[in-house]
Amino acid sequence: MSVYLNHTIMPARDRDATAAFLVEILGLEPAPEYGPFRVVSLGNDVSIDIVQAGDDLPSLHYAFLVGEEEFDQIWGRIKERGLTYWADPFHRREGQINTNDGGRGLYWSDPNGHNLEIITVPYGG
């Protein structure tokens, strides 16, 4: 039997603003409502279902595998918005990208403090 990730839930202080942030930065289709969620659909039939939560949120990590062209577009939108980005998950190498595994990657934070990442090559690739 094959097992695939279908969706994951992202808690947010402002569900709608968080969905709009992800859609804009990642260059995705608008996130429709489904019950209490805003559903951000990704290219591999996986979604991030954003739910309204309280102010005390855990900092979670979400990594997105993207192509070289998409990386440049997303990085450009991050820079256009004046968002801080880092080459490492611990946010020690500010304003840099990494070239791990022969690809490119960077990290930035969403409005809730979640640690977001884009990579062009899977780890160990």
N, C-alpha and C. Protein backbone atom coordinates (compact mmCIF):
# COMPACT_ATOMS: atom_id res chain seq x y z
N MET A 1 0.84 -1.18 0.00
CA MET A 1 0.00 0.00 0.00
C MET A 1 0.88 1.24 0.00
N SER A 2 0.54 2.21 -0.81
CA SER A 2 1.26 3.49 -0.83
C SER A 2 0.64 4.42 0.20
N VAL A 3 1.48 5.21 0.82
CA VAL A 3 1.01 6.20 1.79
C VAL A 3 1.48 7.57 1.32
N TYR A 4 0.56 8.52 1.23
CA TYR A 4 0.87 9.86 0.78
C TYR A 4 0.35 10.86 1.80
N LEU A 5 1.10 11.94 2.00
CA LEU A 5 0.59 13.02 2.83
C LEU A 5 -0.47 13.75 2.01
N ASN A 6 -1.65 13.94 2.60
CA ASN A 6 -2.75 14.62 1.93
C ASN A 6 -2.86 16.08 2.35
N HIS A 7 -2.75 16.34 3.65
CA HIS A 7 -2.81 17.71 4.16
C HIS A 7 -2.21 17.77 5.55
N THR A 8 -1.89 18.98 5.96
CA THR A 8 -1.46 19.23 7.31
C THR A 8 -2.13 20.52 7.76
N ILE A 9 -2.25 20.70 9.06
CA ILE A 9 -2.93 21.88 9.59
C ILE A 9 -1.91 22.86 10.14
N MET A 10 -2.05 24.11 9.75
CA MET A 10 -1.20 25.19 10.24
C MET A 10 -2.04 26.11 11.11
N PRO A 11 -1.71 26.23 12.40
CA PRO A 11 -2.44 27.19 13.24
C PRO A 11 -1.98 28.61 12.94
N ALA A 12 -2.93 29.56 13.00
CA ALA A 12 -2.60 30.95 12.68
C ALA A 12 -3.37 31.90 13.59
N ARG A 13 -2.75 33.03 13.87
CA ARG A 13 -3.45 34.09 14.62
C ARG A 13 -4.54 34.71 13.77
N ASP A 14 -4.29 34.81 12.47
CA ASP A 14 -5.26 35.36 11.51
C ASP A 14 -5.26 34.43 10.30
N ARG A 15 -6.23 33.55 10.26
CA ARG A 15 -6.32 32.52 9.23
C ARG A 15 -6.27 33.11 7.82
N ASP A 16 -7.08 34.13 7.58
CA ASP A 16 -7.20 34.69 6.24
C ASP A 16 -5.91 35.40 5.81
N ALA A 17 -5.32 36.17 6.71
CA ALA A 17 -4.08 36.88 6.39
C ALA A 17 -2.94 35.90 6.15
N THR A 18 -2.89 34.83 6.93
CA THR A 18 -1.85 33.83 6.76
C THR A 18 -1.98 33.12 5.42
N ALA A 19 -3.21 32.76 5.06
CA ALA A 19 -3.45 32.11 3.76
C ALA A 19 -3.05 33.05 2.63
N ALA A 20 -3.43 34.32 2.73
CA ALA A 20 -3.08 35.30 1.70
C ALA A 20 -1.57 35.46 1.60
N PHE A 21 -0.87 35.47 2.74
CA PHE A 21 0.59 35.59 2.77
C PHE A 21 1.23 34.42 2.02
N LEU A 22 0.82 33.20 2.34
CA LEU A 22 1.40 32.02 1.69
C LEU A 22 1.11 32.01 0.19
N VAL A 23 -0.12 32.29 -0.17
CA VAL A 23 -0.50 32.29 -1.57
C VAL A 23 0.31 33.33 -2.35
N GLU A 24 0.45 34.51 -1.79
CA GLU A 24 1.19 35.57 -2.47
C GLU A 24 2.67 35.24 -2.60
N ILE A 25 3.30 34.86 -1.49
CA ILE A 25 4.75 34.60 -1.51
C ILE A 25 5.08 33.40 -2.40
N LEU A 26 4.29 32.32 -2.30
CA LEU A 26 4.59 31.11 -3.05
C LEU A 26 4.04 31.15 -4.48
N GLY A 27 3.20 32.13 -4.80
CA GLY A 27 2.67 32.23 -6.15
C GLY A 27 1.61 31.18 -6.45
N LEU A 28 0.72 30.94 -5.49
CA LEU A 28 -0.29 29.89 -5.62
C LEU A 28 -1.67 30.48 -5.87
N GLU A 29 -2.61 29.60 -6.17
CA GLU A 29 -4.01 29.98 -6.36
C GLU A 29 -4.61 30.42 -5.03
N PRO A 30 -5.63 31.29 -5.06
CA PRO A 30 -6.30 31.71 -3.81
C PRO A 30 -6.76 30.51 -3.00
N ALA A 31 -6.76 30.69 -1.68
CA ALA A 31 -7.10 29.60 -0.75
C ALA A 31 -8.58 29.65 -0.40
N PRO A 32 -9.37 28.69 -0.87
CA PRO A 32 -10.79 28.69 -0.55
C PRO A 32 -11.05 28.27 0.90
N GLU A 33 -12.22 28.60 1.39
CA GLU A 33 -12.64 28.15 2.71
C GLU A 33 -13.18 26.73 2.62
N TYR A 34 -12.88 25.94 3.63
CA TYR A 34 -13.46 24.61 3.78
C TYR A 34 -13.69 24.42 5.27
N GLY A 35 -14.92 24.58 5.71
CA GLY A 35 -15.20 24.54 7.14
C GLY A 35 -14.43 25.64 7.84
N PRO A 36 -13.69 25.30 8.90
CA PRO A 36 -12.94 26.32 9.63
C PRO A 36 -11.58 26.66 9.02
N PHE A 37 -11.28 26.11 7.84
CA PHE A 37 -9.95 26.22 7.25
C PHE A 37 -9.92 27.12 6.02
N ARG A 38 -8.75 27.67 5.73
CA ARG A 38 -8.39 28.18 4.42
C ARG A 38 -7.43 27.14 3.86
N VAL A 39 -7.73 26.61 2.69
CA VAL A 39 -6.97 25.51 2.12
C VAL A 39 -6.00 26.03 1.05
N VAL A 40 -4.71 25.97 1.38
CA VAL A 40 -3.66 26.36 0.45
C VAL A 40 -3.21 25.09 -0.27
N SER A 41 -3.54 25.00 -1.55
CA SER A 41 -3.23 23.80 -2.32
C SER A 41 -1.85 23.92 -2.95
N LEU A 42 -1.07 22.85 -2.79
CA LEU A 42 0.28 22.79 -3.36
C LEU A 42 0.26 21.93 -4.62
N GLY A 43 1.33 21.93 -5.37
CA GLY A 43 1.37 21.28 -6.66
C GLY A 43 1.37 19.76 -6.66
N ASN A 44 1.52 19.14 -5.52
CA ASN A 44 1.59 17.69 -5.48
C ASN A 44 0.37 17.09 -4.78
N ASP A 45 -0.78 17.74 -4.90
CA ASP A 45 -2.03 17.28 -4.31
C ASP A 45 -1.99 17.21 -2.79
N VAL A 46 -1.17 18.05 -2.19
CA VAL A 46 -1.09 18.21 -0.74
C VAL A 46 -1.57 19.61 -0.42
N SER A 47 -2.24 19.77 0.71
CA SER A 47 -2.66 21.11 1.09
C SER A 47 -2.23 21.43 2.51
N ILE A 48 -2.09 22.73 2.75
CA ILE A 48 -1.89 23.25 4.10
C ILE A 48 -3.21 23.89 4.48
N ASP A 49 -3.85 23.31 5.48
CA ASP A 49 -5.15 23.79 5.92
C ASP A 49 -4.94 24.72 7.11
N ILE A 50 -5.20 25.99 6.89
CA ILE A 50 -4.90 27.01 7.90
C ILE A 50 -6.13 27.23 8.76
N VAL A 51 -5.94 27.12 10.06
CA VAL A 51 -7.05 27.25 11.01
C VAL A 51 -6.77 28.39 11.98
N GLN A 52 -7.81 29.12 12.31
CA GLN A 52 -7.71 30.20 13.29
C GLN A 52 -7.37 29.59 14.65
N ALA A 53 -6.37 30.14 15.31
CA ALA A 53 -5.96 29.65 16.63
C ALA A 53 -5.75 30.85 17.54
N GLY A 54 -5.37 30.59 18.76
CA GLY A 54 -5.13 31.67 19.71
C GLY A 54 -3.81 32.36 19.46
N ASP A 55 -3.43 33.21 20.41
CA ASP A 55 -2.18 33.95 20.27
C ASP A 55 -0.95 33.13 20.60
N ASP A 56 -1.10 32.09 21.41
CA ASP A 56 0.03 31.27 21.85
C ASP A 56 0.21 30.10 20.89
N LEU A 57 1.02 30.31 19.85
CA LEU A 57 1.21 29.30 18.81
C LEU A 57 2.59 28.66 18.91
N PRO A 58 2.67 27.36 18.62
CA PRO A 58 4.00 26.77 18.51
C PRO A 58 4.64 27.23 17.20
N SER A 59 5.95 27.29 17.15
CA SER A 59 6.63 27.61 15.90
C SER A 59 6.84 26.29 15.16
N LEU A 60 6.20 26.16 14.01
CA LEU A 60 6.29 24.94 13.22
C LEU A 60 7.13 25.19 11.98
N HIS A 61 7.55 24.11 11.32
CA HIS A 61 8.40 24.21 10.14
C HIS A 61 7.68 23.60 8.94
N TYR A 62 7.69 24.34 7.83
CA TYR A 62 7.09 23.88 6.59
C TYR A 62 8.11 24.11 5.48
N ALA A 63 8.48 23.04 4.78
CA ALA A 63 9.47 23.12 3.71
C ALA A 63 8.79 22.84 2.37
N PHE A 64 9.14 23.63 1.36
CA PHE A 64 8.54 23.52 0.04
C PHE A 64 9.62 23.25 -0.99
N LEU A 65 9.45 22.17 -1.74
CA LEU A 65 10.36 21.82 -2.83
C LEU A 65 9.87 22.55 -4.07
N VAL A 66 10.74 23.37 -4.66
CA VAL A 66 10.36 24.19 -5.81
C VAL A 66 11.42 24.06 -6.90
N GLY A 67 11.05 24.43 -8.11
CA GLY A 67 12.00 24.45 -9.22
C GLY A 67 12.88 25.69 -9.14
N GLU A 68 13.91 25.73 -9.97
CA GLU A 68 14.83 26.87 -9.98
C GLU A 68 14.10 28.19 -10.30
N GLU A 69 13.23 28.16 -11.30
CA GLU A 69 12.50 29.37 -11.67
C GLU A 69 11.58 29.83 -10.54
N GLU A 70 10.88 28.89 -9.91
CA GLU A 70 10.00 29.24 -8.79
C GLU A 70 10.81 29.78 -7.61
N PHE A 71 12.00 29.20 -7.38
CA PHE A 71 12.85 29.69 -6.31
C PHE A 71 13.16 31.17 -6.52
N ASP A 72 13.58 31.51 -7.74
CA ASP A 72 13.90 32.90 -8.04
C ASP A 72 12.70 33.81 -7.85
N GLN A 73 11.52 33.36 -8.26
CA GLN A 73 10.31 34.17 -8.12
C GLN A 73 9.95 34.37 -6.65
N ILE A 74 9.99 33.29 -5.87
CA ILE A 74 9.65 33.38 -4.45
C ILE A 74 10.68 34.25 -3.72
N TRP A 75 11.94 34.01 -3.99
CA TRP A 75 13.01 34.81 -3.37
C TRP A 75 12.81 36.29 -3.71
N GLY A 76 12.46 36.56 -4.95
CA GLY A 76 12.19 37.93 -5.35
C GLY A 76 11.04 38.55 -4.56
N ARG A 77 9.96 37.80 -4.35
CA ARG A 77 8.83 38.33 -3.58
C ARG A 77 9.21 38.54 -2.11
N ILE A 78 10.04 37.66 -1.58
CA ILE A 78 10.51 37.82 -0.19
C ILE A 78 11.31 39.13 -0.09
N LYS A 79 12.21 39.35 -1.03
CA LYS A 79 13.02 40.58 -1.01
C LYS A 79 12.16 41.81 -1.26
N GLU A 80 11.22 41.75 -2.18
CA GLU A 80 10.33 42.89 -2.46
C GLU A 80 9.55 43.33 -1.22
N ARG A 81 9.16 42.35 -0.40
CA ARG A 81 8.40 42.67 0.80
C ARG A 81 9.30 43.09 1.96
N GLY A 82 10.61 43.03 1.76
CA GLY A 82 11.53 43.41 2.82
C GLY A 82 11.58 42.40 3.95
N LEU A 83 11.25 41.14 3.65
CA LEU A 83 11.28 40.09 4.68
C LEU A 83 12.71 39.63 4.91
N THR A 84 13.02 39.35 6.14
CA THR A 84 14.32 38.80 6.49
C THR A 84 14.34 37.33 6.10
N TYR A 85 15.46 36.88 5.55
CA TYR A 85 15.62 35.47 5.21
C TYR A 85 17.01 35.02 5.63
N TRP A 86 17.15 33.71 5.75
CA TRP A 86 18.38 33.12 6.25
C TRP A 86 18.74 31.89 5.41
N ALA A 87 20.01 31.51 5.47
CA ALA A 87 20.49 30.31 4.78
C ALA A 87 20.35 29.06 5.64
N ASP A 88 19.99 29.23 6.90
CA ASP A 88 19.97 28.09 7.82
C ASP A 88 18.72 28.11 8.69
N PRO A 89 18.31 26.94 9.19
CA PRO A 89 17.08 26.86 9.97
C PRO A 89 17.16 27.54 11.34
N PHE A 90 18.35 27.83 11.81
CA PHE A 90 18.51 28.46 13.12
C PHE A 90 18.66 29.98 13.00
N HIS A 91 18.53 30.48 11.78
CA HIS A 91 18.53 31.93 11.50
C HIS A 91 19.82 32.61 11.95
N ARG A 92 20.95 31.97 11.61
CA ARG A 92 22.26 32.54 11.95
C ARG A 92 22.91 33.23 10.76
N ARG A 93 22.52 32.84 9.54
CA ARG A 93 23.16 33.37 8.32
C ARG A 93 22.16 34.25 7.57
N GLU A 94 21.89 35.41 8.14
CA GLU A 94 20.89 36.34 7.60
C GLU A 94 21.31 36.90 6.24
N GLY A 95 20.31 37.05 5.35
CA GLY A 95 20.55 37.64 4.05
C GLY A 95 21.31 36.75 3.08
N GLN A 96 21.41 35.47 3.41
CA GLN A 96 22.13 34.52 2.55
C GLN A 96 21.21 33.38 2.17
N ILE A 97 21.57 32.66 1.11
CA ILE A 97 20.89 31.41 0.77
C ILE A 97 21.93 30.30 0.90
N ASN A 98 21.45 29.06 0.95
CA ASN A 98 22.38 27.93 1.02
C ASN A 98 22.42 27.22 -0.33
N THR A 99 23.44 26.39 -0.49
CA THR A 99 23.59 25.58 -1.70
C THR A 99 23.75 24.10 -1.31
N ASN A 100 22.97 23.71 -0.32
CA ASN A 100 23.02 22.33 0.17
C ASN A 100 22.62 21.33 -0.92
N ASP A 101 23.30 20.23 -0.96
CA ASP A 101 23.00 19.12 -1.88
C ASP A 101 22.99 19.54 -3.34
N GLY A 102 23.72 20.62 -3.67
CA GLY A 102 23.81 21.06 -5.04
C GLY A 102 22.63 21.90 -5.51
N GLY A 103 21.73 22.24 -4.61
CA GLY A 103 20.59 23.09 -4.95
C GLY A 103 20.69 24.41 -4.21
N ARG A 104 19.56 25.08 -4.09
CA ARG A 104 19.51 26.34 -3.34
C ARG A 104 18.38 26.25 -2.33
N GLY A 105 18.56 26.96 -1.21
CA GLY A 105 17.53 26.98 -0.19
C GLY A 105 17.61 28.23 0.65
N LEU A 106 16.48 28.57 1.24
CA LEU A 106 16.44 29.67 2.19
C LEU A 106 15.26 29.50 3.12
N TYR A 107 15.32 30.20 4.24
CA TYR A 107 14.30 30.17 5.29
C TYR A 107 13.79 31.57 5.53
N TRP A 108 12.52 31.69 5.89
CA TRP A 108 11.94 32.96 6.32
C TRP A 108 10.78 32.64 7.24
N SER A 109 10.29 33.64 7.93
CA SER A 109 9.20 33.44 8.89
C SER A 109 7.90 33.98 8.34
N ASP A 110 6.81 33.29 8.67
CA ASP A 110 5.49 33.81 8.32
C ASP A 110 5.01 34.71 9.46
N PRO A 111 3.86 35.36 9.32
CA PRO A 111 3.40 36.29 10.36
C PRO A 111 3.15 35.65 11.73
N ASN A 112 3.09 34.31 11.79
CA ASN A 112 2.85 33.60 13.04
C ASN A 112 4.14 33.09 13.68
N GLY A 113 5.26 33.32 13.02
CA GLY A 113 6.53 32.82 13.53
C GLY A 113 6.88 31.42 13.06
N HIS A 114 6.08 30.85 12.12
CA HIS A 114 6.43 29.55 11.57
C HIS A 114 7.66 29.71 10.68
N ASN A 115 8.53 28.72 10.72
CA ASN A 115 9.78 28.72 9.97
C ASN A 115 9.52 28.09 8.61
N LEU A 116 9.48 28.90 7.55
CA LEU A 116 9.21 28.41 6.21
C LEU A 116 10.52 28.25 5.45
N GLU A 117 10.52 27.31 4.51
CA GLU A 117 11.74 27.01 3.77
C GLU A 117 11.39 26.68 2.33
N ILE A 118 12.22 27.14 1.42
CA ILE A 118 12.15 26.66 0.03
C ILE A 118 13.49 26.02 -0.32
N ILE A 119 13.43 24.91 -1.03
CA ILE A 119 14.63 24.20 -1.49
C ILE A 119 14.40 23.77 -2.93
N THR A 120 15.47 23.68 -3.70
CA THR A 120 15.36 23.23 -5.08
C THR A 120 15.77 21.77 -5.25
N VAL A 121 16.42 21.20 -4.25
CA VAL A 121 16.83 19.80 -4.28
C VAL A 121 16.48 19.19 -2.93
N PRO A 122 15.84 18.01 -2.90
CA PRO A 122 15.53 17.39 -1.62
C PRO A 122 16.81 17.10 -0.83
N TYR A 123 16.71 17.09 0.49
CA TYR A 123 17.87 16.75 1.32
C TYR A 123 18.39 15.38 0.93
N GLY A 124 19.71 15.28 0.84
CA GLY A 124 20.33 14.02 0.44
C GLY A 124 20.30 13.81 -1.07
N GLY A 125 19.79 14.84 -1.79
CA GLY A 125 19.60 14.73 -3.24
C GLY A 125 20.88 14.77 -3.98
